[in-house]
Amino acid sequence: MSARAPEGLLPTLGDLGGFFEVTDPTVRDSDAVAWTDALAPDALTARVATIRAALGRATGQTAEDVDVRVAVSALQVGLASRLWSVALAGAVLHDWVPDLTSANLVASPVHAGRVPLGLVDPGAGYAVTGLPEITDRVAGTVVDDSLAALEAACTQVGRTSAQVLRSNSASSLVGAARVLAGARPSSGPRAWEVVRRLLEVPALARGGGVRERSGLPAGTGGGMEHHAEAFLRRGCCLYDRLPGHGLCPDCVRAVRRPDLVTPGH
């Protein structure tokens, strides 16, 4: 049901960490543009160039040495993580899903801009009661809309495959749940239930899913609520193409090559 945000909700989300922050796009010197403009080819191309340069500096390379697909992957993970963090925190902690559709989203068109994520109407959203309703509403506003637009835009910049991006999206959801459960332990079980349901949504299920940890090589499988369960992607984020970075524990390749997993990643 459409409903206005509970009083003072959005500022409290930022208390959970930077990825949960929703910036007011009307503040002075805001560089926010519509979500569709932030994802336009020219804006994304410039953003990827900035990220390539940053990754190059961090790994002792030139920007040209960094695979464009790695930079696109990193760009998408950052934005997807913000979408998931805000959606999960609103739903799990406050029974309210912000309107995170493309039409209500704004963001800086540059990397590390003043508005990582903002809302045209910060009070717009939906009251939700129960896991099925939360799942349906988050799927409709994020999975089928803003996240789909992000994935589609990123496939056109740097030849990054749709499977890489889908698996990034699923992995970013699991990562957001880990952070939320760590910050609000009493709400952890509910957050993980929402995540398990969302991972069954077809668009996300193509990116990865939950499986029993039993039988997985040591050090592989992304952490979830219970030690007996693990998350595995169905694609690779490509970060292992950077010097000094191996495979992530949840990588599709990790089960076959556990020796390449970066310990403690």
C-alpha atoms as a PDB file:
ATOM      1  CA  MET A   1       0.000   0.000   0.000  1.00  0.00           C
ATOM      2  CA  SER A   2       1.369   3.423  -0.947  1.00  0.00           C
ATOM      3  CA  ALA A   3       2.308   5.357   2.184  1.00  0.00           C
ATOM      4  CA  ARG A   4       4.480   8.264   3.271  1.00  0.00           C
ATOM      5  CA  ALA A   5       7.765   7.557   5.031  1.00  0.00           C
ATOM      6  CA  PRO A   6       7.649   7.342   8.836  1.00  0.00           C
ATOM      7  CA  GLU A   7       8.804  10.632  10.362  1.00  0.00           C
ATOM      8  CA  GLY A   8      12.591  10.956  10.399  1.00  0.00           C
ATOM      9  CA  LEU A   9      13.174   7.558   8.806  1.00  0.00           C
ATOM     10  CA  LEU A  10      15.699   8.288   6.072  1.00  0.00           C
ATOM     11  CA  PRO A  11      18.284  10.044   8.282  1.00  0.00           C
ATOM     12  CA  THR A  12      18.284   7.052  10.622  1.00  0.00           C
ATOM     13  CA  LEU A  13      19.174   4.721   7.751  1.00  0.00           C
ATOM     14  CA  GLY A  14      22.431   6.598   7.304  1.00  0.00           C
ATOM     15  CA  ASP A  15      23.382   5.683  10.863  1.00  0.00           C
ATOM     16  CA  LEU A  16      23.848   2.092   9.626  1.00  0.00           C
ATOM     17  CA  GLY A  17      26.714   3.086   7.325  1.00  0.00           C
ATOM     18  CA  GLY A  18      27.467   4.982   4.161  1.00  0.00           C
ATOM     19  CA  PHE A  19      25.746   2.575   1.793  1.00  0.00           C
ATOM     20  CA  PHE A  20      22.455   3.060   3.658  1.00  0.00           C
ATOM     21  CA  GLU A  21      22.535   6.826   3.273  1.00  0.00           C
ATOM     22  CA  VAL A  22      19.976   8.625   1.134  1.00  0.00           C
ATOM     23  CA  THR A  23      21.230  12.121   0.333  1.00  0.00           C
ATOM     24  CA  ASP A  24      18.860  15.050   0.025  1.00  0.00           C
ATOM     25  CA  PRO A  25      19.281  16.113  -3.615  1.00  0.00           C
ATOM     26  CA  THR A  26      17.975  19.625  -2.909  1.00  0.00           C
ATOM     27  CA  VAL A  27      20.949  20.609  -0.749  1.00  0.00           C
ATOM     28  CA  ARG A  28      23.180  23.440  -1.941  1.00  0.00           C
ATOM     29  CA  ASP A  29      25.712  22.510  -4.620  1.00  0.00           C
ATOM     30  CA  SER A  30      23.997  19.190  -5.319  1.00  0.00           C
ATOM     31  CA  ASP A  31      25.180  17.627  -8.559  1.00  0.00           C
ATOM     32  CA  ALA A  32      22.331  15.101  -8.671  1.00  0.00           C
ATOM     33  CA  VAL A  33      20.687  14.184 -11.951  1.00  0.00           C
ATOM     34  CA  ALA A  34      17.892  11.749 -12.782  1.00  0.00           C
ATOM     35  CA  TRP A  35      18.810   8.055 -12.479  1.00  0.00           C
ATOM     36  CA  THR A  36      18.403   7.581 -16.227  1.00  0.00           C
ATOM     37  CA  ASP A  37      20.810  10.478 -16.884  1.00  0.00           C
ATOM     38  CA  ALA A  38      23.355   9.089 -14.414  1.00  0.00           C
ATOM     39  CA  LEU A  39      23.210   5.828 -16.374  1.00  0.00           C
ATOM     40  CA  ALA A  40      23.483   7.455 -19.798  1.00  0.00           C
ATOM     41  CA  PRO A  41      26.391   6.137 -21.927  1.00  0.00           C
ATOM     42  CA  ASP A  42      28.456   9.339 -21.734  1.00  0.00           C
ATOM     43  CA  ALA A  43      28.097   9.603 -17.959  1.00  0.00           C
ATOM     44  CA  LEU A  44      28.916   5.937 -17.392  1.00  0.00           C
ATOM     45  CA  THR A  45      31.888   6.046 -19.754  1.00  0.00           C
ATOM     46  CA  ALA A  46      33.385   8.968 -17.837  1.00  0.00           C
ATOM     47  CA  ARG A  47      32.658   7.261 -14.529  1.00  0.00           C
ATOM     48  CA  VAL A  48      34.330   4.058 -15.675  1.00  0.00           C
ATOM     49  CA  ALA A  49      37.420   6.028 -16.696  1.00  0.00           C
ATOM     50  CA  THR A  50      37.659   7.492 -13.185  1.00  0.00           C
ATOM     51  CA  ILE A  51      37.285   4.060 -11.597  1.00  0.00           C
ATOM     52  CA  ARG A  52      39.907   2.552 -13.923  1.00  0.00           C
ATOM     53  CA  ALA A  53      42.344   5.241 -12.850  1.00  0.00           C
ATOM     54  CA  ALA A  54      41.574   4.651  -9.151  1.00  0.00           C
ATOM     55  CA  LEU A  55      41.974   0.881  -9.497  1.00  0.00           C
ATOM     56  CA  GLY A  56      45.205   1.396 -11.369  1.00  0.00           C
ATOM     57  CA  ARG A  57      46.639   3.596  -8.624  1.00  0.00           C
ATOM     58  CA  ALA A  58      45.578   1.088  -5.968  1.00  0.00           C
ATOM     59  CA  THR A  59      47.258  -1.817  -7.747  1.00  0.00           C
ATOM     60  CA  GLY A  60      50.347  -0.147  -9.160  1.00  0.00           C
ATOM     61  CA  GLN A  61      49.088  -0.023 -12.731  1.00  0.00           C
ATOM     62  CA  THR A  62      48.128   2.605 -15.257  1.00  0.00           C
ATOM     63  CA  ALA A  63      44.462   3.150 -15.990  1.00  0.00           C
ATOM     64  CA  GLU A  64      44.963   1.546 -19.388  1.00  0.00           C
ATOM     65  CA  ASP A  65      46.244  -1.625 -17.717  1.00  0.00           C
ATOM     66  CA  VAL A  66      42.920  -2.117 -15.890  1.00  0.00           C
ATOM     67  CA  ASP A  67      40.383  -4.178 -17.819  1.00  0.00           C
ATOM     68  CA  VAL A  68      37.382  -1.951 -18.593  1.00  0.00           C
ATOM     69  CA  ARG A  69      35.086  -4.820 -17.617  1.00  0.00           C
ATOM     70  CA  VAL A  70      36.546  -4.867 -14.105  1.00  0.00           C
ATOM     71  CA  ALA A  71      35.858  -1.153 -13.691  1.00  0.00           C
ATOM     72  CA  VAL A  72      32.284  -1.568 -14.942  1.00  0.00           C
ATOM     73  CA  SER A  73      31.792  -4.466 -12.535  1.00  0.00           C
ATOM     74  CA  ALA A  74      33.064  -2.354  -9.627  1.00  0.00           C
ATOM     75  CA  LEU A  75      30.833   0.559 -10.650  1.00  0.00           C
ATOM     76  CA  GLN A  76      27.750  -1.629 -10.746  1.00  0.00           C
ATOM     77  CA  VAL A  77      28.476  -3.348  -7.426  1.00  0.00           C
ATOM     78  CA  GLY A  78      28.729   0.015  -5.687  1.00  0.00           C
ATOM     79  CA  LEU A  79      25.408   1.330  -6.979  1.00  0.00           C
ATOM     80  CA  ALA A  80      23.585  -1.992  -6.564  1.00  0.00           C
ATOM     81  CA  SER A  81      24.782  -2.237  -2.957  1.00  0.00           C
ATOM     82  CA  ARG A  82      23.297   1.173  -2.216  1.00  0.00           C
ATOM     83  CA  LEU A  83      19.928   0.222  -3.695  1.00  0.00           C
ATOM     84  CA  TRP A  84      19.802  -3.017  -1.706  1.00  0.00           C
ATOM     85  CA  SER A  85      20.954  -1.428   1.538  1.00  0.00           C
ATOM     86  CA  VAL A  86      18.261   1.242   1.522  1.00  0.00           C
ATOM     87  CA  ALA A  87      15.515  -1.157   0.443  1.00  0.00           C
ATOM     88  CA  LEU A  88      16.409  -3.814   3.034  1.00  0.00           C
ATOM     89  CA  ALA A  89      16.821  -1.417   5.921  1.00  0.00           C
ATOM     90  CA  GLY A  90      13.532   0.332   5.204  1.00  0.00           C
ATOM     91  CA  ALA A  91      11.599  -2.915   4.847  1.00  0.00           C
ATOM     92  CA  VAL A  92      13.185  -4.941   7.651  1.00  0.00           C
ATOM     93  CA  LEU A  93      13.496  -2.231  10.278  1.00  0.00           C
ATOM     94  CA  HIS A  94      10.500  -0.038   9.480  1.00  0.00           C
ATOM     95  CA  ASP A  95       7.988  -2.083   7.441  1.00  0.00           C
ATOM     96  CA  TRP A  96       8.342   0.489   4.688  1.00  0.00           C
ATOM     97  CA  VAL A  97       9.937   0.198   1.247  1.00  0.00           C
ATOM     98  CA  PRO A  98      11.120   3.516  -0.218  1.00  0.00           C
ATOM     99  CA  ASP A  99      10.134   4.280  -3.783  1.00  0.00           C
ATOM    100  CA  LEU A 100      13.413   3.269  -5.412  1.00  0.00           C
ATOM    101  CA  THR A 101      12.062   3.180  -8.957  1.00  0.00           C
ATOM    102  CA  SER A 102      14.060   4.935 -11.654  1.00  0.00           C
ATOM    103  CA  ALA A 103      11.521   7.765 -11.835  1.00  0.00           C
ATOM    104  CA  ASN A 104      12.122   8.694  -8.169  1.00  0.00           C
ATOM    105  CA  LEU A 105      15.901   8.140  -8.063  1.00  0.00           C
ATOM    106  CA  VAL A 106      18.661  10.664  -8.555  1.00  0.00           C
ATOM    107  CA  ALA A 107      22.438  10.315  -8.259  1.00  0.00           C
ATOM    108  CA  SER A 108      25.620  12.156  -9.034  1.00  0.00           C
ATOM    109  CA  PRO A 109      26.706  11.459 -12.605  1.00  0.00           C
ATOM    110  CA  VAL A 110      30.339  11.143 -11.468  1.00  0.00           C
ATOM    111  CA  HIS A 111      32.168   8.662  -9.248  1.00  0.00           C
ATOM    112  CA  ALA A 112      32.323   9.835  -5.607  1.00  0.00           C
ATOM    113  CA  GLY A 113      29.926  12.700  -6.346  1.00  0.00           C
ATOM    114  CA  ARG A 114      27.960  14.629  -3.723  1.00  0.00           C
ATOM    115  CA  VAL A 115      24.815  12.498  -4.066  1.00  0.00           C
ATOM    116  CA  PRO A 116      25.624   8.766  -4.230  1.00  0.00           C
ATOM    117  CA  LEU A 117      21.890   8.053  -4.064  1.00  0.00           C
ATOM    118  CA  GLY A 118      18.929  10.386  -3.555  1.00  0.00           C
ATOM    119  CA  LEU A 119      15.160  10.451  -3.938  1.00  0.00           C
ATOM    120  CA  VAL A 120      13.104  13.056  -5.774  1.00  0.00           C
ATOM    121  CA  ASP A 121      10.331  12.538  -3.221  1.00  0.00           C
ATOM    122  CA  PRO A 122      11.997  11.170  -0.054  1.00  0.00           C
ATOM    123  CA  GLY A 123       8.648  10.408   1.545  1.00  0.00           C
ATOM    124  CA  ALA A 124       7.295   8.251  -1.270  1.00  0.00           C
ATOM    125  CA  GLY A 125       7.110   4.536  -0.621  1.00  0.00           C
ATOM    126  CA  TYR A 126       5.025   1.588   0.484  1.00  0.00           C
ATOM    127  CA  ALA A 127       3.900   0.192   3.814  1.00  0.00           C
ATOM    128  CA  VAL A 128       4.596  -3.550   3.882  1.00  0.00           C
ATOM    129  CA  THR A 129       3.504  -6.266   6.276  1.00  0.00           C
ATOM    130  CA  GLY A 130       4.880  -9.765   6.044  1.00  0.00           C
ATOM    131  CA  LEU A 131       7.629 -11.384   4.016  1.00  0.00           C
ATOM    132  CA  PRO A 132       5.613 -12.044   0.827  1.00  0.00           C
ATOM    133  CA  GLU A 133       4.589  -8.398   0.552  1.00  0.00           C
ATOM    134  CA  ILE A 134       8.121  -7.180   1.267  1.00  0.00           C
ATOM    135  CA  THR A 135       9.507  -9.493  -1.403  1.00  0.00           C
ATOM    136  CA  ASP A 136       6.966  -8.433  -4.008  1.00  0.00           C
ATOM    137  CA  ARG A 137       7.443  -4.724  -3.347  1.00  0.00           C
ATOM    138  CA  VAL A 138      11.254  -4.814  -3.328  1.00  0.00           C
ATOM    139  CA  ALA A 139      11.230  -6.967  -6.456  1.00  0.00           C
ATOM    140  CA  GLY A 140       8.948  -4.488  -8.203  1.00  0.00           C
ATOM    141  CA  THR A 141      10.789  -1.312  -7.238  1.00  0.00           C
ATOM    142  CA  VAL A 142      14.385  -2.526  -7.303  1.00  0.00           C
ATOM    143  CA  VAL A 143      14.826  -5.816  -9.185  1.00  0.00           C
ATOM    144  CA  ASP A 144      12.467  -5.054 -12.066  1.00  0.00           C
ATOM    145  CA  ASP A 145      13.134  -1.319 -12.265  1.00  0.00           C
ATOM    146  CA  SER A 146      16.175   0.609 -11.007  1.00  0.00           C
ATOM    147  CA  LEU A 147      18.482  -2.413 -10.758  1.00  0.00           C
ATOM    148  CA  ALA A 148      17.403  -3.666 -14.179  1.00  0.00           C
ATOM    149  CA  ALA A 149      18.141  -0.223 -15.623  1.00  0.00           C
ATOM    150  CA  LEU A 150      21.585  -0.268 -13.989  1.00  0.00           C
ATOM    151  CA  GLU A 151      22.406  -3.703 -15.382  1.00  0.00           C
ATOM    152  CA  ALA A 152      21.179  -2.796 -18.856  1.00  0.00           C
ATOM    153  CA  ALA A 153      23.263   0.385 -18.919  1.00  0.00           C
ATOM    154  CA  CYS A 154      26.399  -1.404 -17.737  1.00  0.00           C
ATOM    155  CA  THR A 155      26.154  -4.094 -20.414  1.00  0.00           C
ATOM    156  CA  GLN A 156      26.586  -1.346 -23.006  1.00  0.00           C
ATOM    157  CA  VAL A 157      29.786   0.060 -21.508  1.00  0.00           C
ATOM    158  CA  GLY A 158      32.966  -1.991 -21.704  1.00  0.00           C
ATOM    159  CA  ARG A 159      31.437  -5.226 -22.966  1.00  0.00           C
ATOM    160  CA  THR A 160      30.719  -6.520 -19.459  1.00  0.00           C
ATOM    161  CA  SER A 161      28.480  -9.578 -19.707  1.00  0.00           C
ATOM    162  CA  ALA A 162      24.952  -9.704 -18.360  1.00  0.00           C
ATOM    163  CA  GLN A 163      25.872 -12.791 -16.308  1.00  0.00           C
ATOM    164  CA  VAL A 164      28.650 -10.932 -14.496  1.00  0.00           C
ATOM    165  CA  LEU A 165      26.219  -8.155 -13.652  1.00  0.00           C
ATOM    166  CA  ARG A 166      23.429 -10.492 -12.542  1.00  0.00           C
ATOM    167  CA  SER A 167      25.770 -12.322 -10.219  1.00  0.00           C
ATOM    168  CA  ASN A 168      27.046  -8.988  -8.888  1.00  0.00           C
ATOM    169  CA  SER A 169      23.479  -7.976  -8.092  1.00  0.00           C
ATOM    170  CA  ALA A 170      22.740 -11.184  -6.204  1.00  0.00           C
ATOM    171  CA  SER A 171      26.035 -11.049  -4.307  1.00  0.00           C
ATOM    172  CA  SER A 172      25.480  -7.383  -3.416  1.00  0.00           C
ATOM    173  CA  LEU A 173      22.106  -8.270  -1.894  1.00  0.00           C
ATOM    174  CA  VAL A 174      23.737 -10.882   0.335  1.00  0.00           C
ATOM    175  CA  GLY A 175      26.439  -8.402   1.290  1.00  0.00           C
ATOM    176  CA  ALA A 176      23.864  -5.777   2.270  1.00  0.00           C
ATOM    177  CA  ALA A 177      22.139  -8.327   4.504  1.00  0.00           C
ATOM    178  CA  ARG A 178      25.429  -9.149   6.234  1.00  0.00           C
ATOM    179  CA  VAL A 179      26.015  -5.491   7.036  1.00  0.00           C
ATOM    180  CA  LEU A 180      22.436  -4.905   8.198  1.00  0.00           C
ATOM    181  CA  ALA A 181      22.409  -8.036  10.372  1.00  0.00           C
ATOM    182  CA  GLY A 182      25.734  -7.009  11.900  1.00  0.00           C
ATOM    183  CA  ALA A 183      24.481  -3.525  12.703  1.00  0.00           C
ATOM    184  CA  ARG A 184      21.072  -4.649  13.983  1.00  0.00           C
ATOM    185  CA  PRO A 185      21.474  -8.266  15.199  1.00  0.00           C
ATOM    186  CA  SER A 186      17.912  -8.553  16.467  1.00  0.00           C
ATOM    187  CA  SER A 187      16.652  -7.861  12.935  1.00  0.00           C
ATOM    188  CA  GLY A 188      19.115 -10.230  11.297  1.00  0.00           C
ATOM    189  CA  PRO A 189      16.791 -13.242  11.020  1.00  0.00           C
ATOM    190  CA  ARG A 190      14.151 -11.177   9.250  1.00  0.00           C
ATOM    191  CA  ALA A 191      16.701  -9.643   6.895  1.00  0.00           C
ATOM    192  CA  TRP A 192      17.986 -13.076   5.915  1.00  0.00           C
ATOM    193  CA  GLU A 193      14.469 -14.375   5.318  1.00  0.00           C
ATOM    194  CA  VAL A 194      13.839 -11.477   2.940  1.00  0.00           C
ATOM    195  CA  VAL A 195      17.119 -12.209   1.140  1.00  0.00           C
ATOM    196  CA  ARG A 196      16.348 -15.906   0.709  1.00  0.00           C
ATOM    197  CA  ARG A 197      12.995 -15.023  -0.842  1.00  0.00           C
ATOM    198  CA  LEU A 198      14.502 -12.381  -3.134  1.00  0.00           C
ATOM    199  CA  LEU A 199      17.147 -14.813  -4.353  1.00  0.00           C
ATOM    200  CA  GLU A 200      14.302 -16.957  -5.672  1.00  0.00           C
ATOM    201  CA  VAL A 201      13.026 -14.121  -7.884  1.00  0.00           C
ATOM    202  CA  PRO A 202      13.931 -15.290 -11.431  1.00  0.00           C
ATOM    203  CA  ALA A 203      16.035 -12.261 -12.340  1.00  0.00           C
ATOM    204  CA  LEU A 204      18.197 -12.726  -9.238  1.00  0.00           C
ATOM    205  CA  ALA A 205      18.150 -16.517  -9.253  1.00  0.00           C
ATOM    206  CA  ARG A 206      20.071 -16.340 -12.532  1.00  0.00           C
ATOM    207  CA  GLY A 207      22.846 -14.580 -10.620  1.00  0.00           C
ATOM    208  CA  GLY A 208      23.278 -16.982  -7.716  1.00  0.00           C
ATOM    209  CA  GLY A 209      21.578 -18.875  -4.942  1.00  0.00           C
ATOM    210  CA  VAL A 210      21.752 -20.538  -1.552  1.00  0.00           C
ATOM    211  CA  ARG A 211      23.132 -24.024  -1.086  1.00  0.00           C
ATOM    212  CA  GLU A 212      24.281 -26.260   1.725  1.00  0.00           C
ATOM    213  CA  ARG A 213      27.838 -25.605   2.819  1.00  0.00           C
ATOM    214  CA  SER A 214      28.413 -29.303   3.327  1.00  0.00           C
ATOM    215  CA  GLY A 215      30.603 -30.589   0.529  1.00  0.00           C
ATOM    216  CA  LEU A 216      32.034 -27.199  -0.462  1.00  0.00           C
ATOM    217  CA  PRO A 217      35.822 -26.857  -0.328  1.00  0.00           C
ATOM    218  CA  ALA A 218      37.134 -25.035   2.734  1.00  0.00           C
ATOM    219  CA  GLY A 219      37.143 -21.271   2.308  1.00  0.00           C
ATOM    220  CA  THR A 220      34.496 -21.201  -0.402  1.00  0.00           C
ATOM    221  CA  GLY A 221      30.873 -20.084  -0.313  1.00  0.00           C
ATOM    222  CA  GLY A 222      29.632 -16.680   0.795  1.00  0.00           C
ATOM    223  CA  GLY A 223      28.590 -16.367   4.431  1.00  0.00           C
ATOM    224  CA  MET A 224      24.906 -16.234   5.308  1.00  0.00           C
ATOM    225  CA  GLU A 225      22.888 -16.404   8.511  1.00  0.00           C
ATOM    226  CA  HIS A 226      23.739 -20.008   9.376  1.00  0.00           C
ATOM    227  CA  HIS A 227      27.069 -21.747   8.981  1.00  0.00           C
ATOM    228  CA  ALA A 228      25.356 -24.669   7.241  1.00  0.00           C
ATOM    229  CA  GLU A 229      24.255 -22.470   4.317  1.00  0.00           C
ATOM    230  CA  ALA A 230      26.315 -20.606   1.749  1.00  0.00           C
ATOM    231  CA  PHE A 231      25.738 -18.268  -1.154  1.00  0.00           C
ATOM    232  CA  LEU A 232      27.303 -19.058  -4.526  1.00  0.00           C
ATOM    233  CA  ARG A 233      27.296 -16.784  -7.537  1.00  0.00           C
ATOM    234  CA  ARG A 234      26.665 -17.982 -11.075  1.00  0.00           C
ATOM    235  CA  GLY A 235      29.158 -15.537 -12.513  1.00  0.00           C
ATOM    236  CA  CYS A 236      32.497 -13.918 -11.646  1.00  0.00           C
ATOM    237  CA  CYS A 237      32.990 -10.280 -10.637  1.00  0.00           C
ATOM    238  CA  LEU A 238      36.300 -10.285 -12.571  1.00  0.00           C
ATOM    239  CA  TYR A 239      38.258  -8.710  -9.697  1.00  0.00           C
ATOM    240  CA  ASP A 240      40.821 -11.508  -9.938  1.00  0.00           C
ATOM    241  CA  ARG A 241      42.106  -9.706 -13.026  1.00  0.00           C
ATOM    242  CA  LEU A 242      43.606  -7.127 -10.655  1.00  0.00           C
ATOM    243  CA  PRO A 243      47.112  -7.804  -9.293  1.00  0.00           C
ATOM    244  CA  GLY A 244      47.030  -9.343  -5.823  1.00  0.00           C
ATOM    245  CA  HIS A 245      43.314 -10.180  -5.940  1.00  0.00           C
ATOM    246  CA  GLY A 246      42.210 -13.810  -6.155  1.00  0.00           C
ATOM    247  CA  LEU A 247      38.740 -15.256  -6.411  1.00  0.00           C
ATOM    248  CA  CYS A 248      35.976 -14.287  -3.992  1.00  0.00           C
ATOM    249  CA  PRO A 249      34.688 -17.125  -1.765  1.00  0.00           C
ATOM    250  CA  ASP A 250      31.255 -16.968  -3.426  1.00  0.00           C
ATOM    251  CA  CYS A 251      32.631 -16.997  -6.981  1.00  0.00           C
ATOM    252  CA  VAL A 252      31.289 -19.517  -9.470  1.00  0.00           C
ATOM    253  CA  ARG A 253      34.896 -20.580 -10.061  1.00  0.00           C
ATOM    254  CA  ALA A 254      35.831 -20.939  -6.391  1.00  0.00           C
ATOM    255  CA  VAL A 255      34.458 -24.454  -5.961  1.00  0.00           C
ATOM    256  CA  ARG A 256      36.663 -25.716  -8.810  1.00  0.00           C
ATOM    257  CA  ARG A 257      39.702 -23.633  -7.826  1.00  0.00           C
ATOM    258  CA  PRO A 258      39.633 -23.071  -4.045  1.00  0.00           C
ATOM    259  CA  ASP A 259      43.385 -22.539  -4.182  1.00  0.00           C
ATOM    260  CA  LEU A 260      42.753 -19.214  -5.975  1.00  0.00           C
ATOM    261  CA  VAL A 261      40.396 -17.804  -3.314  1.00  0.00           C
ATOM    262  CA  THR A 262      41.691 -14.769  -1.445  1.00  0.00           C
ATOM    263  CA  PRO A 263      41.713 -15.778   2.262  1.00  0.00           C
ATOM    264  CA  GLY A 264      39.463 -13.689   4.481  1.00  0.00           C
ATOM    265  CA  HIS A 265      37.940 -11.801   1.548  1.00  0.00           C
END
